[in-house]
Amino acid sequence: MKIPCELIVWYVLPSIRRELARELVDKHDFSQAEVARRFGVTDAAISQYLKAKRGTSKEIENSGKYEDFRKEVEIAAVRMVNGSDIVTETCRICEMVKKSGMLVKVYETRTGVRAPQCVTCKIE
């Protein structure tokens, strides 16, 4: 049995990074090197996120909540431009993924079993 946190590491966090990298580069004119520095990853990793070679999660994209996810990413990017950090913003978006039910979709699709109660409960 997979622990829900494993799926967050494998599918949710890379999706958050990919979308944040796109937002910062495309809409806020950050260089790939600046995004890499802020994320604590290599320039090559950011290049892979931007080319969708990394961080693609069909479960998130097809969850019916993807637009809400994208809005949270847009907010996070603006907050990062204004001084917030990747840890704070990633955690905020991850909480939204859990509360919205998107993690349930990832869990059930990837494991083939019903999500455990710790995934299906709403975090308040």
N, C-alpha and C. Protein backbone atom coordinates (compact mmCIF):
# COMPACT_ATOMS: atom_id res chain seq x y z
N MET A 1 0.84 -1.18 0.00
CA MET A 1 0.00 0.00 0.00
C MET A 1 0.89 1.24 0.00
N LYS A 2 0.54 2.18 -0.81
CA LYS A 2 1.27 3.44 -0.86
C LYS A 2 0.78 4.38 0.24
N ILE A 3 1.69 5.09 0.82
CA ILE A 3 1.35 6.13 1.79
C ILE A 3 1.00 7.38 0.98
N PRO A 4 -0.09 8.07 1.31
CA PRO A 4 -0.47 9.25 0.53
C PRO A 4 0.66 10.27 0.35
N CYS A 5 1.50 10.42 1.34
CA CYS A 5 2.60 11.38 1.23
C CYS A 5 3.58 10.99 0.12
N GLU A 6 3.72 9.69 -0.16
CA GLU A 6 4.57 9.26 -1.27
C GLU A 6 4.02 9.80 -2.59
N LEU A 7 2.72 9.75 -2.73
CA LEU A 7 2.10 10.23 -3.97
C LEU A 7 2.21 11.74 -4.10
N ILE A 8 2.19 12.42 -2.97
CA ILE A 8 2.41 13.87 -3.00
C ILE A 8 3.81 14.15 -3.54
N VAL A 9 4.79 13.42 -3.03
CA VAL A 9 6.18 13.63 -3.48
C VAL A 9 6.34 13.28 -4.96
N TRP A 10 5.73 12.21 -5.41
CA TRP A 10 5.91 11.77 -6.79
C TRP A 10 5.10 12.56 -7.81
N TYR A 11 3.88 12.98 -7.45
CA TYR A 11 2.98 13.57 -8.43
C TYR A 11 2.56 15.01 -8.14
N VAL A 12 2.29 15.34 -6.90
CA VAL A 12 1.77 16.67 -6.58
C VAL A 12 2.87 17.71 -6.56
N LEU A 13 3.94 17.48 -5.80
CA LEU A 13 5.01 18.47 -5.71
C LEU A 13 5.64 18.78 -7.07
N PRO A 14 5.93 17.78 -7.90
CA PRO A 14 6.47 18.12 -9.22
C PRO A 14 5.49 18.95 -10.07
N SER A 15 4.20 18.69 -9.93
CA SER A 15 3.21 19.48 -10.68
C SER A 15 3.19 20.93 -10.19
N ILE A 16 3.29 21.10 -8.88
CA ILE A 16 3.34 22.45 -8.33
C ILE A 16 4.58 23.18 -8.85
N ARG A 17 5.72 22.51 -8.80
CA ARG A 17 6.95 23.14 -9.30
C ARG A 17 6.83 23.50 -10.77
N ARG A 18 6.30 22.58 -11.56
CA ARG A 18 6.17 22.84 -12.99
C ARG A 18 5.32 24.06 -13.25
N GLU A 19 4.16 24.12 -12.62
CA GLU A 19 3.25 25.24 -12.85
C GLU A 19 3.81 26.55 -12.31
N LEU A 20 4.45 26.50 -11.16
CA LEU A 20 5.06 27.72 -10.61
C LEU A 20 6.21 28.20 -11.50
N ALA A 21 7.02 27.27 -11.98
CA ALA A 21 8.12 27.66 -12.88
C ALA A 21 7.57 28.33 -14.14
N ARG A 22 6.55 27.74 -14.73
CA ARG A 22 5.94 28.33 -15.92
C ARG A 22 5.42 29.73 -15.64
N GLU A 23 4.74 29.87 -14.54
CA GLU A 23 4.14 31.15 -14.17
C GLU A 23 5.23 32.22 -13.96
N LEU A 24 6.27 31.86 -13.23
CA LEU A 24 7.33 32.83 -12.94
C LEU A 24 8.12 33.23 -14.19
N VAL A 25 8.37 32.27 -15.06
CA VAL A 25 9.12 32.56 -16.29
C VAL A 25 8.25 33.29 -17.31
N ASP A 26 7.05 32.77 -17.55
CA ASP A 26 6.20 33.31 -18.62
C ASP A 26 5.52 34.63 -18.26
N LYS A 27 5.08 34.77 -17.03
CA LYS A 27 4.29 35.96 -16.67
C LYS A 27 5.02 36.99 -15.83
N HIS A 28 6.11 36.56 -15.19
CA HIS A 28 6.82 37.47 -14.30
C HIS A 28 8.26 37.71 -14.73
N ASP A 29 8.60 37.21 -15.92
CA ASP A 29 9.90 37.47 -16.54
C ASP A 29 11.10 37.04 -15.70
N PHE A 30 10.94 35.99 -14.91
CA PHE A 30 12.08 35.43 -14.19
C PHE A 30 12.91 34.62 -15.17
N SER A 31 14.20 34.60 -14.99
CA SER A 31 15.04 33.71 -15.80
C SER A 31 14.93 32.29 -15.22
N GLN A 32 15.27 31.31 -16.04
CA GLN A 32 15.27 29.94 -15.54
C GLN A 32 16.26 29.80 -14.39
N ALA A 33 17.38 30.49 -14.48
CA ALA A 33 18.39 30.42 -13.42
C ALA A 33 17.85 30.98 -12.11
N GLU A 34 17.09 32.07 -12.17
CA GLU A 34 16.52 32.66 -10.95
C GLU A 34 15.49 31.72 -10.33
N VAL A 35 14.65 31.11 -11.16
CA VAL A 35 13.67 30.15 -10.65
C VAL A 35 14.39 28.96 -10.02
N ALA A 36 15.42 28.47 -10.69
CA ALA A 36 16.19 27.34 -10.16
C ALA A 36 16.78 27.68 -8.79
N ARG A 37 17.34 28.88 -8.67
CA ARG A 37 17.93 29.31 -7.40
C ARG A 37 16.87 29.35 -6.30
N ARG A 38 15.72 29.93 -6.61
CA ARG A 38 14.65 30.03 -5.61
C ARG A 38 14.08 28.66 -5.23
N PHE A 39 14.03 27.75 -6.19
CA PHE A 39 13.49 26.41 -5.94
C PHE A 39 14.52 25.48 -5.31
N GLY A 40 15.81 25.83 -5.42
CA GLY A 40 16.86 24.96 -4.91
C GLY A 40 17.09 23.75 -5.79
N VAL A 41 16.92 23.94 -7.10
CA VAL A 41 17.15 22.87 -8.08
C VAL A 41 18.08 23.40 -9.17
N THR A 42 18.43 22.56 -10.12
CA THR A 42 19.31 22.97 -11.21
C THR A 42 18.54 23.69 -12.30
N ASP A 43 19.28 24.43 -13.13
CA ASP A 43 18.68 25.06 -14.30
C ASP A 43 18.07 24.00 -15.22
N ALA A 44 18.74 22.85 -15.31
CA ALA A 44 18.24 21.76 -16.17
C ALA A 44 16.88 21.25 -15.68
N ALA A 45 16.69 21.20 -14.37
CA ALA A 45 15.40 20.76 -13.82
C ALA A 45 14.31 21.75 -14.24
N ILE A 46 14.60 23.03 -14.15
CA ILE A 46 13.61 24.04 -14.55
C ILE A 46 13.31 23.91 -16.04
N SER A 47 14.31 23.67 -16.84
CA SER A 47 14.10 23.46 -18.27
C SER A 47 13.17 22.28 -18.52
N GLN A 48 13.35 21.21 -17.77
CA GLN A 48 12.48 20.04 -17.92
C GLN A 48 11.06 20.35 -17.48
N TYR A 49 10.89 21.12 -16.41
CA TYR A 49 9.54 21.53 -16.00
C TYR A 49 8.88 22.35 -17.10
N LEU A 50 9.61 23.29 -17.67
CA LEU A 50 9.04 24.17 -18.69
C LEU A 50 8.69 23.42 -19.97
N LYS A 51 9.40 22.34 -20.26
CA LYS A 51 9.13 21.53 -21.45
C LYS A 51 8.16 20.38 -21.16
N ALA A 52 7.63 20.35 -19.93
CA ALA A 52 6.69 19.31 -19.48
C ALA A 52 7.30 17.90 -19.55
N LYS A 53 8.61 17.81 -19.42
CA LYS A 53 9.27 16.51 -19.32
C LYS A 53 9.28 16.03 -17.88
N ARG A 54 8.94 16.94 -16.97
CA ARG A 54 8.90 16.67 -15.54
C ARG A 54 7.66 17.36 -14.99
N GLY A 55 7.02 16.75 -14.02
CA GLY A 55 5.94 17.42 -13.30
C GLY A 55 4.57 17.34 -13.94
N THR A 56 4.38 16.42 -14.87
CA THR A 56 3.07 16.28 -15.49
C THR A 56 2.26 15.24 -14.72
N SER A 57 1.07 15.63 -14.28
CA SER A 57 0.18 14.71 -13.58
C SER A 57 -1.20 14.78 -14.22
N LYS A 58 -1.54 13.79 -14.99
CA LYS A 58 -2.84 13.76 -15.66
C LYS A 58 -3.98 13.72 -14.65
N GLU A 59 -3.75 13.11 -13.49
CA GLU A 59 -4.80 13.06 -12.47
C GLU A 59 -5.15 14.46 -11.98
N ILE A 60 -4.15 15.29 -11.79
CA ILE A 60 -4.41 16.66 -11.36
C ILE A 60 -5.04 17.44 -12.51
N GLU A 61 -4.49 17.30 -13.69
CA GLU A 61 -5.00 18.05 -14.84
C GLU A 61 -6.44 17.66 -15.20
N ASN A 62 -6.81 16.42 -14.94
CA ASN A 62 -8.15 15.93 -15.29
C ASN A 62 -9.07 15.81 -14.07
N SER A 63 -8.71 16.45 -12.99
CA SER A 63 -9.44 16.29 -11.73
C SER A 63 -10.75 17.06 -11.67
N GLY A 64 -10.94 17.99 -12.60
CA GLY A 64 -12.10 18.87 -12.52
C GLY A 64 -11.84 20.06 -11.62
N LYS A 65 -10.68 20.07 -10.98
CA LYS A 65 -10.28 21.16 -10.08
C LYS A 65 -9.01 21.85 -10.57
N TYR A 66 -8.61 21.54 -11.80
CA TYR A 66 -7.35 22.05 -12.30
C TYR A 66 -7.33 23.58 -12.39
N GLU A 67 -8.45 24.18 -12.74
CA GLU A 67 -8.49 25.65 -12.81
C GLU A 67 -8.29 26.26 -11.43
N ASP A 68 -8.84 25.64 -10.40
CA ASP A 68 -8.61 26.10 -9.03
C ASP A 68 -7.13 25.97 -8.67
N PHE A 69 -6.53 24.87 -9.08
CA PHE A 69 -5.10 24.63 -8.86
C PHE A 69 -4.28 25.73 -9.54
N ARG A 70 -4.62 26.02 -10.80
CA ARG A 70 -3.89 27.06 -11.56
C ARG A 70 -4.05 28.43 -10.89
N LYS A 71 -5.23 28.73 -10.37
CA LYS A 71 -5.43 30.01 -9.68
C LYS A 71 -4.55 30.11 -8.44
N GLU A 72 -4.43 29.02 -7.70
CA GLU A 72 -3.56 29.01 -6.52
C GLU A 72 -2.10 29.22 -6.92
N VAL A 73 -1.71 28.63 -8.05
CA VAL A 73 -0.35 28.82 -8.54
C VAL A 73 -0.12 30.28 -8.92
N GLU A 74 -1.09 30.89 -9.59
CA GLU A 74 -0.96 32.30 -9.96
C GLU A 74 -0.79 33.18 -8.72
N ILE A 75 -1.58 32.91 -7.70
CA ILE A 75 -1.48 33.66 -6.43
C ILE A 75 -0.09 33.44 -5.82
N ALA A 76 0.36 32.19 -5.82
CA ALA A 76 1.67 31.86 -5.24
C ALA A 76 2.78 32.59 -5.98
N ALA A 77 2.70 32.66 -7.29
CA ALA A 77 3.74 33.34 -8.07
C ALA A 77 3.80 34.82 -7.70
N VAL A 78 2.66 35.45 -7.60
CA VAL A 78 2.62 36.87 -7.21
C VAL A 78 3.21 37.04 -5.80
N ARG A 79 2.86 36.13 -4.92
CA ARG A 79 3.39 36.21 -3.56
C ARG A 79 4.91 36.03 -3.56
N MET A 80 5.43 35.14 -4.42
CA MET A 80 6.87 34.95 -4.51
C MET A 80 7.56 36.18 -5.10
N VAL A 81 6.94 36.81 -6.07
CA VAL A 81 7.49 38.05 -6.62
C VAL A 81 7.60 39.09 -5.50
N ASN A 82 6.67 39.06 -4.58
CA ASN A 82 6.63 40.04 -3.49
C ASN A 82 7.35 39.57 -2.22
N GLY A 83 8.14 38.52 -2.33
CA GLY A 83 9.00 38.14 -1.22
C GLY A 83 8.73 36.82 -0.53
N SER A 84 7.64 36.14 -0.87
CA SER A 84 7.39 34.84 -0.25
C SER A 84 8.40 33.82 -0.79
N ASP A 85 8.42 32.64 -0.20
CA ASP A 85 9.39 31.63 -0.61
C ASP A 85 8.69 30.37 -1.13
N ILE A 86 9.46 29.53 -1.78
CA ILE A 86 8.93 28.31 -2.40
C ILE A 86 8.32 27.36 -1.38
N VAL A 87 8.89 27.27 -0.19
CA VAL A 87 8.36 26.35 0.83
C VAL A 87 6.97 26.77 1.25
N THR A 88 6.81 28.03 1.60
CA THR A 88 5.51 28.54 2.05
C THR A 88 4.46 28.35 0.97
N GLU A 89 4.79 28.69 -0.25
CA GLU A 89 3.82 28.63 -1.34
C GLU A 89 3.51 27.20 -1.75
N THR A 90 4.50 26.34 -1.75
CA THR A 90 4.26 24.94 -2.10
C THR A 90 3.34 24.30 -1.06
N CYS A 91 3.59 24.56 0.21
CA CYS A 91 2.74 24.00 1.27
C CYS A 91 1.31 24.51 1.15
N ARG A 92 1.15 25.77 0.82
CA ARG A 92 -0.19 26.35 0.68
C ARG A 92 -0.94 25.68 -0.46
N ILE A 93 -0.27 25.48 -1.59
CA ILE A 93 -0.92 24.83 -2.74
C ILE A 93 -1.20 23.36 -2.43
N CYS A 94 -0.28 22.70 -1.77
CA CYS A 94 -0.47 21.29 -1.42
C CYS A 94 -1.69 21.12 -0.51
N GLU A 95 -1.88 22.02 0.43
CA GLU A 95 -3.07 21.97 1.29
C GLU A 95 -4.34 22.09 0.45
N MET A 96 -4.31 22.96 -0.55
CA MET A 96 -5.46 23.13 -1.43
C MET A 96 -5.73 21.83 -2.19
N VAL A 97 -4.67 21.17 -2.64
CA VAL A 97 -4.81 19.89 -3.36
C VAL A 97 -5.48 18.86 -2.46
N LYS A 98 -5.08 18.81 -1.21
CA LYS A 98 -5.68 17.85 -0.28
C LYS A 98 -7.13 18.21 0.02
N LYS A 99 -7.40 19.46 0.31
CA LYS A 99 -8.76 19.90 0.66
C LYS A 99 -9.74 19.75 -0.50
N SER A 100 -9.27 19.94 -1.70
CA SER A 100 -10.15 19.93 -2.88
C SER A 100 -10.55 18.53 -3.34
N GLY A 101 -9.86 17.51 -2.84
CA GLY A 101 -10.14 16.15 -3.29
C GLY A 101 -9.24 15.69 -4.43
N MET A 102 -8.36 16.55 -4.88
CA MET A 102 -7.46 16.16 -5.98
C MET A 102 -6.53 15.04 -5.56
N LEU A 103 -6.08 15.03 -4.30
CA LEU A 103 -5.20 13.96 -3.84
C LEU A 103 -5.93 12.61 -3.85
N VAL A 104 -7.21 12.62 -3.55
CA VAL A 104 -7.99 11.38 -3.62
C VAL A 104 -7.94 10.82 -5.03
N LYS A 105 -8.12 11.68 -6.02
CA LYS A 105 -8.08 11.25 -7.43
C LYS A 105 -6.71 10.66 -7.78
N VAL A 106 -5.65 11.33 -7.37
CA VAL A 106 -4.30 10.83 -7.63
C VAL A 106 -4.12 9.47 -6.95
N TYR A 107 -4.50 9.39 -5.68
CA TYR A 107 -4.33 8.15 -4.92
C TYR A 107 -5.06 6.99 -5.57
N GLU A 108 -6.33 7.19 -5.86
CA GLU A 108 -7.14 6.08 -6.38
C GLU A 108 -6.72 5.68 -7.79
N THR A 109 -6.33 6.63 -8.60
CA THR A 109 -5.88 6.31 -9.96
C THR A 109 -4.55 5.56 -9.92
N ARG A 110 -3.62 6.02 -9.10
CA ARG A 110 -2.29 5.44 -9.07
C ARG A 110 -2.22 4.11 -8.31
N THR A 111 -3.10 3.90 -7.33
CA THR A 111 -3.03 2.66 -6.55
C THR A 111 -4.09 1.64 -6.94
N GLY A 112 -5.19 2.12 -7.52
CA GLY A 112 -6.27 1.22 -7.87
C GLY A 112 -7.14 0.82 -6.69
N VAL A 113 -6.95 1.45 -5.55
CA VAL A 113 -7.76 1.16 -4.38
C VAL A 113 -8.36 2.47 -3.84
N ARG A 114 -9.37 2.30 -3.02
CA ARG A 114 -10.02 3.45 -2.40
C ARG A 114 -9.04 4.19 -1.49
N ALA A 115 -9.08 5.50 -1.52
CA ALA A 115 -8.19 6.31 -0.69
C ALA A 115 -8.49 6.10 0.78
N PRO A 116 -7.45 6.04 1.62
CA PRO A 116 -7.68 5.89 3.05
C PRO A 116 -8.31 7.16 3.63
N GLN A 117 -8.86 7.02 4.81
CA GLN A 117 -9.58 8.13 5.44
C GLN A 117 -8.72 9.38 5.59
N CYS A 118 -7.41 9.23 5.84
CA CYS A 118 -6.56 10.40 6.02
C CYS A 118 -6.46 11.24 4.76
N VAL A 119 -6.79 10.65 3.61
CA VAL A 119 -6.77 11.39 2.34
C VAL A 119 -8.14 12.00 2.06
N THR A 120 -9.19 11.27 2.44
CA THR A 120 -10.54 11.72 2.10
C THR A 120 -11.10 12.74 3.07
N CYS A 121 -10.53 12.86 4.27
CA CYS A 121 -11.06 13.85 5.20
C CYS A 121 -10.65 15.24 4.75
N LYS A 122 -11.47 16.19 5.07
CA LYS A 122 -11.18 17.57 4.73
C LYS A 122 -10.36 18.20 5.83
N ILE A 123 -9.24 18.77 5.48
CA ILE A 123 -8.37 19.42 6.45
C ILE A 123 -8.90 20.83 6.67
N GLU A 124 -9.10 21.21 7.89
CA GLU A 124 -9.63 22.56 8.20
C GLU A 124 -8.59 23.39 8.85
